[in-house]
Amino acid sequence: NGQAGSVYKQHAPLVNACKEPGTWQTYDIIY
């Protein structure tokens, strides 16, 4: 519940979708 894509300390992400270091990544957040 503290990894990338988590809502910190509340919701773990459904999956780990991380790319390797140095690679651009995207978040699209609907709030």
All heavy atoms as atom14 arrays in JSON, in Angstrom:
{
  "sequence": "NGQAGSVYKQHAPLVNACKEPGTWQTYDIIY",
  "atom14_mask": [
    [1, 1, 1, 1, 1, 1, 1, 1, 0, 0, 0, 0, 0, 0],
    [1, 1, 1, 1, 0, 0, 0, 0, 0, 0, 0, 0, 0, 0],
    [1, 1, 1, 1, 1, 1, 1, 1, 1, 0, 0, 0, 0, 0],
    [1, 1, 1, 1, 1, 0, 0, 0, 0, 0, 0, 0, 0, 0],
    [1, 1, 1, 1, 0, 0, 0, 0, 0, 0, 0, 0, 0, 0],
    [1, 1, 1, 1, 1, 1, 0, 0, 0, 0, 0, 0, 0, 0],
    [1, 1, 1, 1, 1, 1, 1, 0, 0, 0, 0, 0, 0, 0],
    [1, 1, 1, 1, 1, 1, 1, 1, 1, 1, 1, 1, 0, 0],
    [1, 1, 1, 1, 1, 1, 1, 1, 1, 0, 0, 0, 0, 0],
    [1, 1, 1, 1, 1, 1, 1, 1, 1, 0, 0, 0, 0, 0],
    [1, 1, 1, 1, 1, 1, 1, 1, 1, 1, 0, 0, 0, 0],
    [1, 1, 1, 1, 1, 0, 0, 0, 0, 0, 0, 0, 0, 0],
    [1, 1, 1, 1, 1, 1, 1, 0, 0, 0, 0, 0, 0, 0],
    [1, 1, 1, 1, 1, 1, 1, 1, 0, 0, 0, 0, 0, 0],
    [1, 1, 1, 1, 1, 1, 1, 0, 0, 0, 0, 0, 0, 0],
    [1, 1, 1, 1, 1, 1, 1, 1, 0, 0, 0, 0, 0, 0],
    [1, 1, 1, 1, 1, 0, 0, 0, 0, 0, 0, 0, 0, 0],
    [1, 1, 1, 1, 1, 1, 0, 0, 0, 0, 0, 0, 0, 0],
    [1, 1, 1, 1, 1, 1, 1, 1, 1, 0, 0, 0, 0, 0],
    [1, 1, 1, 1, 1, 1, 1, 1, 1, 0, 0, 0, 0, 0],
    [1, 1, 1, 1, 1, 1, 1, 0, 0, 0, 0, 0, 0, 0],
    [1, 1, 1, 1, 0, 0, 0, 0, 0, 0, 0, 0, 0, 0],
    [1, 1, 1, 1, 1, 1, 1, 0, 0, 0, 0, 0, 0, 0],
    [1, 1, 1, 1, 1, 1, 1, 1, 1, 1, 1, 1, 1, 1],
    [1, 1, 1, 1, 1, 1, 1, 1, 1, 0, 0, 0, 0, 0],
    [1, 1, 1, 1, 1, 1, 1, 0, 0, 0, 0, 0, 0, 0],
    [1, 1, 1, 1, 1, 1, 1, 1, 1, 1, 1, 1, 0, 0],
    [1, 1, 1, 1, 1, 1, 1, 1, 0, 0, 0, 0, 0, 0],
    [1, 1, 1, 1, 1, 1, 1, 1, 0, 0, 0, 0, 0, 0],
    [1, 1, 1, 1, 1, 1, 1, 1, 0, 0, 0, 0, 0, 0],
    [1, 1, 1, 1, 1, 1, 1, 1, 1, 1, 1, 1, 0, 0]
  ],
  "atom14_positions": [
    [[0.82, -1.21, 0.0], [0.0, 0.0, 0.0], [0.85, 1.27, 0.0], [0.37, 2.34, 0.33], [-0.99, 0.01, 1.17], [-0.31, -0.04, 2.52], [0.88, -0.37, 2.62], [-1.04, 0.25, 3.58], [0.0, 0.0, 0.0], [0.0, 0.0, 0.0], [0.0, 0.0, 0.0], [0.0, 0.0, 0.0], [0.0, 0.0, 0.0], [0.0, 0.0, 0.0]],
    [[2.13, 1.1, -0.39], [3.01, 2.26, -0.52], [3.8, 2.26, -1.81], [4.71, 3.06, -1.97], [0.0, 0.0, 0.0], [0.0, 0.0, 0.0], [0.0, 0.0, 0.0], [0.0, 0.0, 0.0], [0.0, 0.0, 0.0], [0.0, 0.0, 0.0], [0.0, 0.0, 0.0], [0.0, 0.0, 0.0], [0.0, 0.0, 0.0], [0.0, 0.0, 0.0]],
    [[3.47, 1.36, -2.73], [4.22, 1.29, -3.98], [3.59, 2.17, -5.04], [2.54, 2.78, -4.82], [4.34, -0.15, -4.45], [3.07, -0.77, -4.99], [3.32, -2.21, -5.43], [3.64, -3.08, -4.63], [3.18, -2.47, -6.73], [0.0, 0.0, 0.0], [0.0, 0.0, 0.0], [0.0, 0.0, 0.0], [0.0, 0.0, 0.0], [0.0, 0.0, 0.0]],
    [[4.24, 2.26, -6.19], [3.74, 3.11, -7.28], [2.31, 2.72, -7.64], [1.97, 1.54, -7.73], [4.64, 2.96, -8.5], [0.0, 0.0, 0.0], [0.0, 0.0, 0.0], [0.0, 0.0, 0.0], [0.0, 0.0, 0.0], [0.0, 0.0, 0.0], [0.0, 0.0, 0.0], [0.0, 0.0, 0.0], [0.0, 0.0, 0.0], [0.0, 0.0, 0.0]],
    [[1.47, 3.74, -7.82], [0.07, 3.5, -8.16], [-0.82, 3.3, -6.97], [-2.05, 3.18, -7.13], [0.0, 0.0, 0.0], [0.0, 0.0, 0.0], [0.0, 0.0, 0.0], [0.0, 0.0, 0.0], [0.0, 0.0, 0.0], [0.0, 0.0, 0.0], [0.0, 0.0, 0.0], [0.0, 0.0, 0.0], [0.0, 0.0, 0.0], [0.0, 0.0, 0.0]],
    [[-0.26, 3.26, -5.78], [-1.1, 3.13, -4.58], [-1.68, 4.48, -4.2], [-1.14, 5.53, -4.53], [-0.28, 2.59, -3.39], [0.71, 3.53, -2.98], [0.0, 0.0, 0.0], [0.0, 0.0, 0.0], [0.0, 0.0, 0.0], [0.0, 0.0, 0.0], [0.0, 0.0, 0.0], [0.0, 0.0, 0.0], [0.0, 0.0, 0.0], [0.0, 0.0, 0.0]],
    [[-2.83, 4.45, -3.51], [-3.28, 5.6, -2.75], [-2.6, 5.39, -1.4], [-2.97, 4.5, -0.64], [-4.81, 5.66, -2.62], [-5.21, 6.86, -1.78], [-5.46, 5.73, -4.0], [0.0, 0.0, 0.0], [0.0, 0.0, 0.0], [0.0, 0.0, 0.0], [0.0, 0.0, 0.0], [0.0, 0.0, 0.0], [0.0, 0.0, 0.0], [0.0, 0.0, 0.0]],
    [[-1.6, 6.19, -1.12], [-0.61, 5.87, -0.1], [-1.23, 5.49, 1.25], [-2.07, 6.21, 1.8], [0.35, 7.04, 0.09], [1.51, 6.72, 0.99], [2.56, 5.93, 0.54], [1.53, 7.18, 2.3], [3.63, 5.62, 1.38], [2.59, 6.88, 3.14], [3.64, 6.09, 2.69], [4.68, 5.77, 3.53], [0.0, 0.0, 0.0], [0.0, 0.0, 0.0]],
    [[-0.82, 4.3, 1.72], [-1.22, 3.72, 3.0], [-2.72, 3.39, 3.08], [-3.23, 3.06, 4.14], [-0.84, 4.63, 4.18], [0.67, 4.68, 4.5], [1.12, 3.43, 5.21], [2.58, 3.51, 5.65], [2.79, 4.18, 6.91], [0.0, 0.0, 0.0], [0.0, 0.0, 0.0], [0.0, 0.0, 0.0], [0.0, 0.0, 0.0], [0.0, 0.0, 0.0]],
    [[-3.43, 3.45, 1.91], [-4.86, 3.14, 1.93], [-5.24, 2.05, 0.94], [-5.89, 1.08, 1.31], [-5.69, 4.4, 1.68], [-5.55, 5.45, 2.77], [-6.55, 6.58, 2.62], [-7.71, 6.37, 2.31], [-6.09, 7.81, 2.87], [0.0, 0.0, 0.0], [0.0, 0.0, 0.0], [0.0, 0.0, 0.0], [0.0, 0.0, 0.0], [0.0, 0.0, 0.0]],
    [[-4.84, 2.19, -0.32], [-5.23, 1.22, -1.34], [-4.0, 0.81, -2.15], [-3.39, 1.65, -2.81], [-6.27, 1.81, -2.3], [-7.59, 2.11, -1.66], [-8.51, 1.13, -1.35], [-8.14, 3.29, -1.27], [-9.58, 1.69, -0.8], [-9.37, 3.0, -0.73], [0.0, 0.0, 0.0], [0.0, 0.0, 0.0], [0.0, 0.0, 0.0], [0.0, 0.0, 0.0]],
    [[-3.66, -0.48, -2.09], [-2.61, -1.0, -2.96], [-3.09, -0.99, -4.4], [-4.29, -1.11, -4.66], [-2.24, -2.43, -2.54], [0.0, 0.0, 0.0], [0.0, 0.0, 0.0], [0.0, 0.0, 0.0], [0.0, 0.0, 0.0], [0.0, 0.0, 0.0], [0.0, 0.0, 0.0], [0.0, 0.0, 0.0], [0.0, 0.0, 0.0], [0.0, 0.0, 0.0]],
    [[-2.18, -0.85, -5.37], [-2.6, -0.93, -6.76], [-3.04, -2.35, -7.1], [-2.59, -3.33, -6.49], [-1.33, -0.54, -7.54], [-0.21, -0.88, -6.63], [-0.72, -0.64, -5.24], [0.0, 0.0, 0.0], [0.0, 0.0, 0.0], [0.0, 0.0, 0.0], [0.0, 0.0, 0.0], [0.0, 0.0, 0.0], [0.0, 0.0, 0.0], [0.0, 0.0, 0.0]],
    [[-3.9, -2.47, -8.08], [-4.36, -3.79, -8.52], [-3.22, -4.6, -9.1], [-3.18, -5.84, -8.95], [-5.48, -3.64, -9.55], [-6.77, -2.97, -9.06], [-7.71, -2.7, -10.23], [-7.46, -3.84, -8.01], [0.0, 0.0, 0.0], [0.0, 0.0, 0.0], [0.0, 0.0, 0.0], [0.0, 0.0, 0.0], [0.0, 0.0, 0.0], [0.0, 0.0, 0.0]],
    [[-2.3, -3.93, -9.8], [-1.13, -4.58, -10.38], [0.05, -3.61, -10.32], [-0.13, -2.41, -10.13], [-1.37, -5.0, -11.86], [-2.42, -6.09, -11.96], [-1.75, -3.8, -12.72], [0.0, 0.0, 0.0], [0.0, 0.0, 0.0], [0.0, 0.0, 0.0], [0.0, 0.0, 0.0], [0.0, 0.0, 0.0], [0.0, 0.0, 0.0], [0.0, 0.0, 0.0]],
    [[1.24, -4.14, -10.5], [2.45, -3.33, -10.62], [2.71, -3.12, -12.1], [3.08, -4.05, -12.82], [3.63, -4.05, -9.96], [4.93, -3.26, -10.05], [5.02, -2.24, -10.73], [5.96, -3.74, -9.37], [0.0, 0.0, 0.0], [0.0, 0.0, 0.0], [0.0, 0.0, 0.0], [0.0, 0.0, 0.0], [0.0, 0.0, 0.0], [0.0, 0.0, 0.0]],
    [[2.51, -1.9, -12.58], [2.66, -1.59, -14.01], [3.89, -0.74, -14.29], [3.97, -0.04, -15.3], [1.41, -0.87, -14.53], [0.0, 0.0, 0.0], [0.0, 0.0, 0.0], [0.0, 0.0, 0.0], [0.0, 0.0, 0.0], [0.0, 0.0, 0.0], [0.0, 0.0, 0.0], [0.0, 0.0, 0.0], [0.0, 0.0, 0.0], [0.0, 0.0, 0.0]],
    [[4.89, -0.8, -13.39], [6.06, 0.06, -13.52], [6.94, -0.33, -14.69], [7.15, -1.51, -14.99], [6.9, 0.0, -12.25], [6.44, 1.22, -11.01], [0.0, 0.0, 0.0], [0.0, 0.0, 0.0], [0.0, 0.0, 0.0], [0.0, 0.0, 0.0], [0.0, 0.0, 0.0], [0.0, 0.0, 0.0], [0.0, 0.0, 0.0], [0.0, 0.0, 0.0]],
    [[7.49, 0.69, -15.34], [8.52, 0.52, -16.34], [9.89, 0.67, -15.69], [10.0, 1.11, -14.54], [8.35, 1.54, -17.47], [7.05, 1.38, -18.25], [6.95, 2.4, -19.38], [5.68, 2.22, -20.18], [5.58, 3.18, -21.31], [0.0, 0.0, 0.0], [0.0, 0.0, 0.0], [0.0, 0.0, 0.0], [0.0, 0.0, 0.0], [0.0, 0.0, 0.0]],
    [[10.93, 0.33, -16.43], [12.27, 0.36, -15.86], [12.71, 1.78, -15.57], [12.21, 2.74, -16.17], [13.25, -0.34, -16.8], [13.39, 0.3, -18.15], [14.26, -0.52, -19.09], [14.4, -1.73, -18.86], [14.78, 0.07, -20.05], [0.0, 0.0, 0.0], [0.0, 0.0, 0.0], [0.0, 0.0, 0.0], [0.0, 0.0, 0.0], [0.0, 0.0, 0.0]],
    [[13.67, 1.96, -14.64], [14.15, 3.3, -14.29], [14.65, 4.06, -15.51], [15.2, 3.49, -16.45], [15.31, 3.0, -13.32], [15.02, 1.64, -12.78], [14.33, 0.89, -13.87], [0.0, 0.0, 0.0], [0.0, 0.0, 0.0], [0.0, 0.0, 0.0], [0.0, 0.0, 0.0], [0.0, 0.0, 0.0], [0.0, 0.0, 0.0], [0.0, 0.0, 0.0]],
    [[14.43, 5.37, -15.49], [14.86, 6.22, -16.59], [13.88, 6.29, -17.73], [14.11, 7.0, -18.72], [0.0, 0.0, 0.0], [0.0, 0.0, 0.0], [0.0, 0.0, 0.0], [0.0, 0.0, 0.0], [0.0, 0.0, 0.0], [0.0, 0.0, 0.0], [0.0, 0.0, 0.0], [0.0, 0.0, 0.0], [0.0, 0.0, 0.0], [0.0, 0.0, 0.0]],
    [[12.74, 5.57, -17.62], [11.71, 5.54, -18.66], [10.53, 6.4, -18.24], [10.11, 6.37, -17.09], [11.23, 4.09, -18.9], [12.36, 3.27, -19.21], [10.22, 4.03, -20.03], [0.0, 0.0, 0.0], [0.0, 0.0, 0.0], [0.0, 0.0, 0.0], [0.0, 0.0, 0.0], [0.0, 0.0, 0.0], [0.0, 0.0, 0.0], [0.0, 0.0, 0.0]],
    [[9.98, 7.17, -19.18], [8.82, 7.99, -18.85], [7.59, 7.11, -18.62], [7.36, 6.14, -19.36], [8.54, 9.0, -19.97], [9.49, 10.16, -19.92], [10.55, 10.39, -20.74], [9.47, 11.23, -18.97], [11.2, 11.55, -20.37], [10.55, 12.08, -19.29], [8.65, 11.55, -17.89], [10.84, 13.24, -18.57], [8.92, 12.72, -17.17], [10.01, 13.54, -17.51]],
    [[6.83, 7.45, -17.6], [5.62, 6.73, -17.23], [4.47, 7.71, -17.11], [4.68, 8.92, -16.94], [5.83, 6.0, -15.9], [7.12, 5.19, -15.86], [7.12, 4.16, -14.75], [6.17, 3.42, -14.57], [8.23, 4.12, -14.01], [0.0, 0.0, 0.0], [0.0, 0.0, 0.0], [0.0, 0.0, 0.0], [0.0, 0.0, 0.0], [0.0, 0.0, 0.0]],
    [[3.25, 7.22, -17.2], [2.08, 8.09, -17.16], [1.13, 7.69, -16.03], [0.97, 6.51, -15.73], [1.3, 8.06, -18.48], [0.77, 6.74, -18.69], [2.18, 8.43, -19.65], [0.0, 0.0, 0.0], [0.0, 0.0, 0.0], [0.0, 0.0, 0.0], [0.0, 0.0, 0.0], [0.0, 0.0, 0.0], [0.0, 0.0, 0.0], [0.0, 0.0, 0.0]],
    [[0.53, 8.71, -15.44], [-0.64, 8.54, -14.59], [-1.8, 9.31, -15.23], [-1.63, 10.48, -15.62], [-0.42, 9.12, -13.2], [0.33, 8.25, -12.21], [0.85, 8.8, -11.06], [0.5, 6.88, -12.43], [1.53, 8.03, -10.14], [1.18, 6.1, -11.52], [1.7, 6.68, -10.37], [2.38, 5.91, -9.46], [0.0, 0.0, 0.0], [0.0, 0.0, 0.0]],
    [[-2.94, 8.67, -15.34], [-4.18, 9.35, -15.66], [-5.11, 9.13, -14.47], [-5.45, 7.99, -14.15], [-4.77, 8.82, -16.96], [-3.94, 9.25, -18.16], [-4.03, 10.44, -18.52], [-3.2, 8.41, -18.71], [0.0, 0.0, 0.0], [0.0, 0.0, 0.0], [0.0, 0.0, 0.0], [0.0, 0.0, 0.0], [0.0, 0.0, 0.0], [0.0, 0.0, 0.0]],
    [[-5.46, 10.22, -13.82], [-6.18, 10.17, -12.54], [-7.52, 10.86, -12.69], [-7.59, 12.02, -13.12], [-5.35, 10.87, -11.43], [-3.99, 10.17, -11.27], [-6.11, 10.9, -10.12], [-3.01, 10.92, -10.37], [0.0, 0.0, 0.0], [0.0, 0.0, 0.0], [0.0, 0.0, 0.0], [0.0, 0.0, 0.0], [0.0, 0.0, 0.0], [0.0, 0.0, 0.0]],
    [[-8.58, 10.15, -12.35], [-9.92, 10.73, -12.33], [-10.34, 10.85, -10.87], [-10.36, 9.84, -10.15], [-10.93, 9.89, -13.13], [-10.56, 9.86, -14.63], [-12.33, 10.46, -12.99], [-9.61, 8.79, -15.04], [0.0, 0.0, 0.0], [0.0, 0.0, 0.0], [0.0, 0.0, 0.0], [0.0, 0.0, 0.0], [0.0, 0.0, 0.0], [0.0, 0.0, 0.0]],
    [[-10.65, 12.05, -10.46], [-10.86, 12.33, -9.03], [-12.2, 13.03, -8.82], [-12.52, 14.01, -9.51], [-9.73, 13.23, -8.52], [-9.91, 13.72, -7.11], [-9.69, 12.88, -6.02], [-10.3, 15.04, -6.86], [-9.85, 13.34, -4.72], [-10.45, 15.51, -5.57], [-10.23, 14.65, -4.5], [-10.39, 15.11, -3.22], [0.0, 0.0, 0.0], [0.0, 0.0, 0.0]]
  ]
}
